[in-house]
Amino acid sequence: MTEPTQAPKAVDPAFGFNTYAERLNGRAAMIGFLLAIVIEFVTGKGLLAWLGVIQGS
């Protein structure tokens, strides 16, 4: 079987799943997780109790 002589010139899509969007989503998730831990440490309540969704002790 012969190998192709040219590689396709594909560009990253502007929308949807691409490497930049996935990297940005990961960073946002890390920041959100860190903020949830900080809120729990500072207030002494869990995130849902702090938001008033559940009754916390």
PDB file of N, CA and C in Angstrom:
ATOM      1  N   MET A   1       0.850  -1.163   0.000  1.00  0.00           N
ATOM      2  CA  MET A   1       0.000   0.000   0.000  1.00  0.00           C
ATOM      3  C   MET A   1       0.901   1.232   0.000  1.00  0.00           C
ATOM      4  N   THR A   2       0.604   2.213  -0.806  1.00  0.00           N
ATOM      5  CA  THR A   2       1.434   3.408  -0.893  1.00  0.00           C
ATOM      6  C   THR A   2       0.956   4.464   0.094  1.00  0.00           C
ATOM      7  N   GLU A   3       1.902   5.256   0.531  1.00  0.00           N
ATOM      8  CA  GLU A   3       1.599   6.342   1.465  1.00  0.00           C
ATOM      9  C   GLU A   3       1.209   7.590   0.675  1.00  0.00           C
ATOM     10  N   PRO A   4       0.294   8.410   1.201  1.00  0.00           N
ATOM     11  CA  PRO A   4      -0.055   9.653   0.506  1.00  0.00           C
ATOM     12  C   PRO A   4       1.126  10.625   0.515  1.00  0.00           C
ATOM     13  N   THR A   5       1.210  11.447  -0.486  1.00  0.00           N
ATOM     14  CA  THR A   5       2.323  12.395  -0.591  1.00  0.00           C
ATOM     15  C   THR A   5       2.015  13.725   0.074  1.00  0.00           C
ATOM     16  N   GLN A   6       0.743  14.017   0.295  1.00  0.00           N
ATOM     17  CA  GLN A   6       0.369  15.282   0.917  1.00  0.00           C
ATOM     18  C   GLN A   6      -0.502  15.019   2.143  1.00  0.00           C
ATOM     19  N   ALA A   7      -0.335  15.863   3.141  1.00  0.00           N
ATOM     20  CA  ALA A   7      -1.176  15.774   4.337  1.00  0.00           C
ATOM     21  C   ALA A   7      -2.334  16.758   4.185  1.00  0.00           C
ATOM     22  N   PRO A   8      -3.516  16.413   4.675  1.00  0.00           N
ATOM     23  CA  PRO A   8      -4.638  17.350   4.583  1.00  0.00           C
ATOM     24  C   PRO A   8      -4.398  18.575   5.451  1.00  0.00           C
ATOM     25  N   LYS A   9      -4.858  19.701   4.988  1.00  0.00           N
ATOM     26  CA  LYS A   9      -4.698  20.950   5.730  1.00  0.00           C
ATOM     27  C   LYS A   9      -6.012  21.267   6.436  1.00  0.00           C
ATOM     28  N   ALA A  10      -6.191  20.683   7.614  1.00  0.00           N
ATOM     29  CA  ALA A  10      -7.404  20.886   8.401  1.00  0.00           C
ATOM     30  C   ALA A  10      -7.166  22.005   9.416  1.00  0.00           C
ATOM     31  N   VAL A  11      -8.179  22.795   9.631  1.00  0.00           N
ATOM     32  CA  VAL A  11      -8.106  23.859  10.631  1.00  0.00           C
ATOM     33  C   VAL A  11      -8.983  23.471  11.814  1.00  0.00           C
ATOM     34  N   ASP A  12      -8.623  23.964  12.996  1.00  0.00           N
ATOM     35  CA  ASP A  12      -9.442  23.703  14.175  1.00  0.00           C
ATOM     36  C   ASP A  12     -10.788  24.392  14.017  1.00  0.00           C
ATOM     37  N   PRO A  13     -11.852  23.732  14.445  1.00  0.00           N
ATOM     38  CA  PRO A  13     -13.166  24.371  14.346  1.00  0.00           C
ATOM     39  C   PRO A  13     -13.282  25.533  15.322  1.00  0.00           C
ATOM     40  N   ALA A  14     -14.062  26.526  14.943  1.00  0.00           N
ATOM     41  CA  ALA A  14     -14.246  27.688  15.813  1.00  0.00           C
ATOM     42  C   ALA A  14     -15.180  27.357  16.970  1.00  0.00           C
ATOM     43  N   PHE A  15     -16.091  26.426  16.785  1.00  0.00           N
ATOM     44  CA  PHE A  15     -17.031  26.032  17.824  1.00  0.00           C
ATOM     45  C   PHE A  15     -16.930  24.540  18.057  1.00  0.00           C
ATOM     46  N   GLY A  16     -17.450  24.079  19.176  1.00  0.00           N
ATOM     47  CA  GLY A  16     -17.472  22.651  19.440  1.00  0.00           C
ATOM     48  C   GLY A  16     -16.244  22.176  20.189  1.00  0.00           C
ATOM     49  N   PHE A  17     -15.980  20.893  20.101  1.00  0.00           N
ATOM     50  CA  PHE A  17     -14.872  20.289  20.827  1.00  0.00           C
ATOM     51  C   PHE A  17     -13.566  20.538  20.089  1.00  0.00           C
ATOM     52  N   ASN A  18     -12.713  21.326  20.687  1.00  0.00           N
ATOM     53  CA  ASN A  18     -11.356  21.496  20.185  1.00  0.00           C
ATOM     54  C   ASN A  18     -10.426  21.593  21.393  1.00  0.00           C
ATOM     55  N   THR A  19      -9.153  21.611  21.159  1.00  0.00           N
ATOM     56  CA  THR A  19      -8.209  21.548  22.275  1.00  0.00           C
ATOM     57  C   THR A  19      -8.289  22.777  23.165  1.00  0.00           C
ATOM     58  N   TYR A  20      -8.503  23.949  22.585  1.00  0.00           N
ATOM     59  CA  TYR A  20      -8.563  25.156  23.410  1.00  0.00           C
ATOM     60  C   TYR A  20      -9.811  25.149  24.288  1.00  0.00           C
ATOM     61  N   ALA A  21     -10.949  24.752  23.740  1.00  0.00           N
ATOM     62  CA  ALA A  21     -12.190  24.721  24.521  1.00  0.00           C
ATOM     63  C   ALA A  21     -12.078  23.723  25.663  1.00  0.00           C
ATOM     64  N   GLU A  22     -11.490  22.571  25.410  1.00  0.00           N
ATOM     65  CA  GLU A  22     -11.348  21.568  26.458  1.00  0.00           C
ATOM     66  C   GLU A  22     -10.386  22.048  27.539  1.00  0.00           C
ATOM     67  N   ARG A  23      -9.333  22.737  27.157  1.00  0.00           N
ATOM     68  CA  ARG A  23      -8.389  23.275  28.135  1.00  0.00           C
ATOM     69  C   ARG A  23      -9.064  24.338  28.989  1.00  0.00           C
ATOM     70  N   LEU A  24      -9.859  25.199  28.370  1.00  0.00           N
ATOM     71  CA  LEU A  24     -10.564  26.249  29.099  1.00  0.00           C
ATOM     72  C   LEU A  24     -11.597  25.653  30.053  1.00  0.00           C
ATOM     73  N   ASN A  25     -12.329  24.636  29.624  1.00  0.00           N
ATOM     74  CA  ASN A  25     -13.305  23.976  30.490  1.00  0.00           C
ATOM     75  C   ASN A  25     -12.624  23.322  31.685  1.00  0.00           C
ATOM     76  N   GLY A  26     -11.486  22.712  31.458  1.00  0.00           N
ATOM     77  CA  GLY A  26     -10.751  22.092  32.550  1.00  0.00           C
ATOM     78  C   GLY A  26     -10.276  23.098  33.571  1.00  0.00           C
ATOM     79  N   ARG A  27      -9.791  24.224  33.107  1.00  0.00           N
ATOM     80  CA  ARG A  27      -9.326  25.273  34.020  1.00  0.00           C
ATOM     81  C   ARG A  27     -10.489  25.853  34.816  1.00  0.00           C
ATOM     82  N   ALA A  28     -11.623  26.066  34.167  1.00  0.00           N
ATOM     83  CA  ALA A  28     -12.799  26.582  34.868  1.00  0.00           C
ATOM     84  C   ALA A  28     -13.273  25.591  35.929  1.00  0.00           C
ATOM     85  N   ALA A  29     -13.220  24.304  35.619  1.00  0.00           N
ATOM     86  CA  ALA A  29     -13.618  23.285  36.595  1.00  0.00           C
ATOM     87  C   ALA A  29     -12.669  23.274  37.783  1.00  0.00           C
ATOM     88  N   MET A  30     -11.376  23.427  37.545  1.00  0.00           N
ATOM     89  CA  MET A  30     -10.412  23.453  38.640  1.00  0.00           C
ATOM     90  C   MET A  30     -10.635  24.655  39.548  1.00  0.00           C
ATOM     91  N   ILE A  31     -10.920  25.812  38.952  1.00  0.00           N
ATOM     92  CA  ILE A  31     -11.173  27.020  39.744  1.00  0.00           C
ATOM     93  C   ILE A  31     -12.452  26.854  40.558  1.00  0.00           C
ATOM     94  N   GLY A  32     -13.500  26.294  39.948  1.00  0.00           N
ATOM     95  CA  GLY A  32     -14.750  26.075  40.669  1.00  0.00           C
ATOM     96  C   GLY A  32     -14.584  25.104  41.826  1.00  0.00           C
ATOM     97  N   PHE A  33     -13.832  24.042  41.613  1.00  0.00           N
ATOM     98  CA  PHE A  33     -13.592  23.071  42.678  1.00  0.00           C
ATOM     99  C   PHE A  33     -12.807  23.709  43.817  1.00  0.00           C
ATOM    100  N   LEU A  34     -11.807  24.507  43.494  1.00  0.00           N
ATOM    101  CA  LEU A  34     -11.021  25.187  44.515  1.00  0.00           C
ATOM    102  C   LEU A  34     -11.886  26.166  45.302  1.00  0.00           C
ATOM    103  N   LEU A  35     -12.762  26.895  44.618  1.00  0.00           N
ATOM    104  CA  LEU A  35     -13.651  27.830  45.312  1.00  0.00           C
ATOM    105  C   LEU A  35     -14.619  27.100  46.237  1.00  0.00           C
ATOM    106  N   ALA A  36     -15.105  25.945  45.825  1.00  0.00           N
ATOM    107  CA  ALA A  36     -15.999  25.165  46.682  1.00  0.00           C
ATOM    108  C   ALA A  36     -15.274  24.736  47.957  1.00  0.00           C
ATOM    109  N   ILE A  37     -14.015  24.339  47.833  1.00  0.00           N
ATOM    110  CA  ILE A  37     -13.232  23.943  49.011  1.00  0.00           C
ATOM    111  C   ILE A  37     -12.982  25.147  49.919  1.00  0.00           C
ATOM    112  N   VAL A  38     -12.677  26.300  49.334  1.00  0.00           N
ATOM    113  CA  VAL A  38     -12.432  27.512  50.130  1.00  0.00           C
ATOM    114  C   VAL A  38     -13.700  27.922  50.867  1.00  0.00           C
ATOM    115  N   ILE A  39     -14.853  27.873  50.200  1.00  0.00           N
ATOM    116  CA  ILE A  39     -16.123  28.230  50.846  1.00  0.00           C
ATOM    117  C   ILE A  39     -16.401  27.296  52.013  1.00  0.00           C
ATOM    118  N   GLU A  40     -16.158  26.008  51.825  1.00  0.00           N
ATOM    119  CA  GLU A  40     -16.395  25.058  52.903  1.00  0.00           C
ATOM    120  C   GLU A  40     -15.450  25.308  54.072  1.00  0.00           C
ATOM    121  N   PHE A  41     -14.217  25.634  53.798  1.00  0.00           N
ATOM    122  CA  PHE A  41     -13.241  25.889  54.855  1.00  0.00           C
ATOM    123  C   PHE A  41     -13.573  27.163  55.623  1.00  0.00           C
ATOM    124  N   VAL A  42     -13.947  28.223  54.912  1.00  0.00           N
ATOM    125  CA  VAL A  42     -14.193  29.526  55.546  1.00  0.00           C
ATOM    126  C   VAL A  42     -15.497  29.525  56.336  1.00  0.00           C
ATOM    127  N   THR A  43     -16.563  28.964  55.774  1.00  0.00           N
ATOM    128  CA  THR A  43     -17.872  29.035  56.429  1.00  0.00           C
ATOM    129  C   THR A  43     -18.124  27.881  57.382  1.00  0.00           C
ATOM    130  N   GLY A  44     -17.421  26.776  57.233  1.00  0.00           N
ATOM    131  CA  GLY A  44     -17.661  25.616  58.069  1.00  0.00           C
ATOM    132  C   GLY A  44     -18.870  24.811  57.630  1.00  0.00           C
ATOM    133  N   LYS A  45     -19.444  25.156  56.488  1.00  0.00           N
ATOM    134  CA  LYS A  45     -20.589  24.433  55.941  1.00  0.00           C
ATOM    135  C   LYS A  45     -20.226  23.914  54.566  1.00  0.00           C
ATOM    136  N   GLY A  46     -20.974  22.924  54.128  1.00  0.00           N
ATOM    137  CA  GLY A  46     -20.792  22.448  52.772  1.00  0.00           C
ATOM    138  C   GLY A  46     -21.347  23.451  51.772  1.00  0.00           C
ATOM    139  N   LEU A  47     -21.045  23.264  50.512  1.00  0.00           N
ATOM    140  CA  LEU A  47     -21.477  24.210  49.485  1.00  0.00           C
ATOM    141  C   LEU A  47     -22.998  24.289  49.392  1.00  0.00           C
ATOM    142  N   LEU A  48     -23.673  23.145  49.417  1.00  0.00           N
ATOM    143  CA  LEU A  48     -25.138  23.154  49.326  1.00  0.00           C
ATOM    144  C   LEU A  48     -25.779  23.797  50.550  1.00  0.00           C
ATOM    145  N   ALA A  49     -25.207  23.590  51.729  1.00  0.00           N
ATOM    146  CA  ALA A  49     -25.725  24.236  52.933  1.00  0.00           C
ATOM    147  C   ALA A  49     -25.476  25.738  52.879  1.00  0.00           C
ATOM    148  N   TRP A  50     -24.346  26.137  52.348  1.00  0.00           N
ATOM    149  CA  TRP A  50     -24.030  27.555  52.221  1.00  0.00           C
ATOM    150  C   TRP A  50     -24.978  28.255  51.262  1.00  0.00           C
ATOM    151  N   LEU A  51     -25.361  27.543  50.206  1.00  0.00           N
ATOM    152  CA  LEU A  51     -26.313  28.104  49.242  1.00  0.00           C
ATOM    153  C   LEU A  51     -27.745  28.057  49.750  1.00  0.00           C
ATOM    154  N   GLY A  52     -28.011  27.310  50.807  1.00  0.00           N
ATOM    155  CA  GLY A  52     -29.352  27.211  51.361  1.00  0.00           C
ATOM    156  C   GLY A  52     -30.190  26.135  50.722  1.00  0.00           C
ATOM    157  N   VAL A  53     -29.585  25.247  49.971  1.00  0.00           N
ATOM    158  CA  VAL A  53     -30.316  24.177  49.320  1.00  0.00           C
ATOM    159  C   VAL A  53     -30.721  23.102  50.331  1.00  0.00           C
ATOM    160  N   ILE A  54     -29.812  22.804  51.270  1.00  0.00           N
ATOM    161  CA  ILE A  54     -30.101  21.825  52.311  1.00  0.00           C
ATOM    162  C   ILE A  54     -29.825  22.462  53.652  1.00  0.00           C
ATOM    163  N   GLN A  55     -30.360  21.864  54.688  1.00  0.00           N
ATOM    164  CA  GLN A  55     -30.099  22.347  56.045  1.00  0.00           C
ATOM    165  C   GLN A  55     -28.787  21.779  56.528  1.00  0.00           C
ATOM    166  N   GLY A  56     -27.847  22.625  56.806  1.00  0.00           N
ATOM    167  CA  GLY A  56     -26.554  22.185  57.327  1.00  0.00           C
ATOM    168  C   GLY A  56     -26.476  22.425  58.807  1.00  0.00           C
ATOM    169  N   SER A  57     -25.602  21.697  59.469  1.00  0.00           N
ATOM    170  CA  SER A  57     -25.466  21.881  60.918  1.00  0.00           C
ATOM    171  C   SER A  57     -24.330  22.813  61.237  1.00  0.00           C
TER     172      SER A  57
END
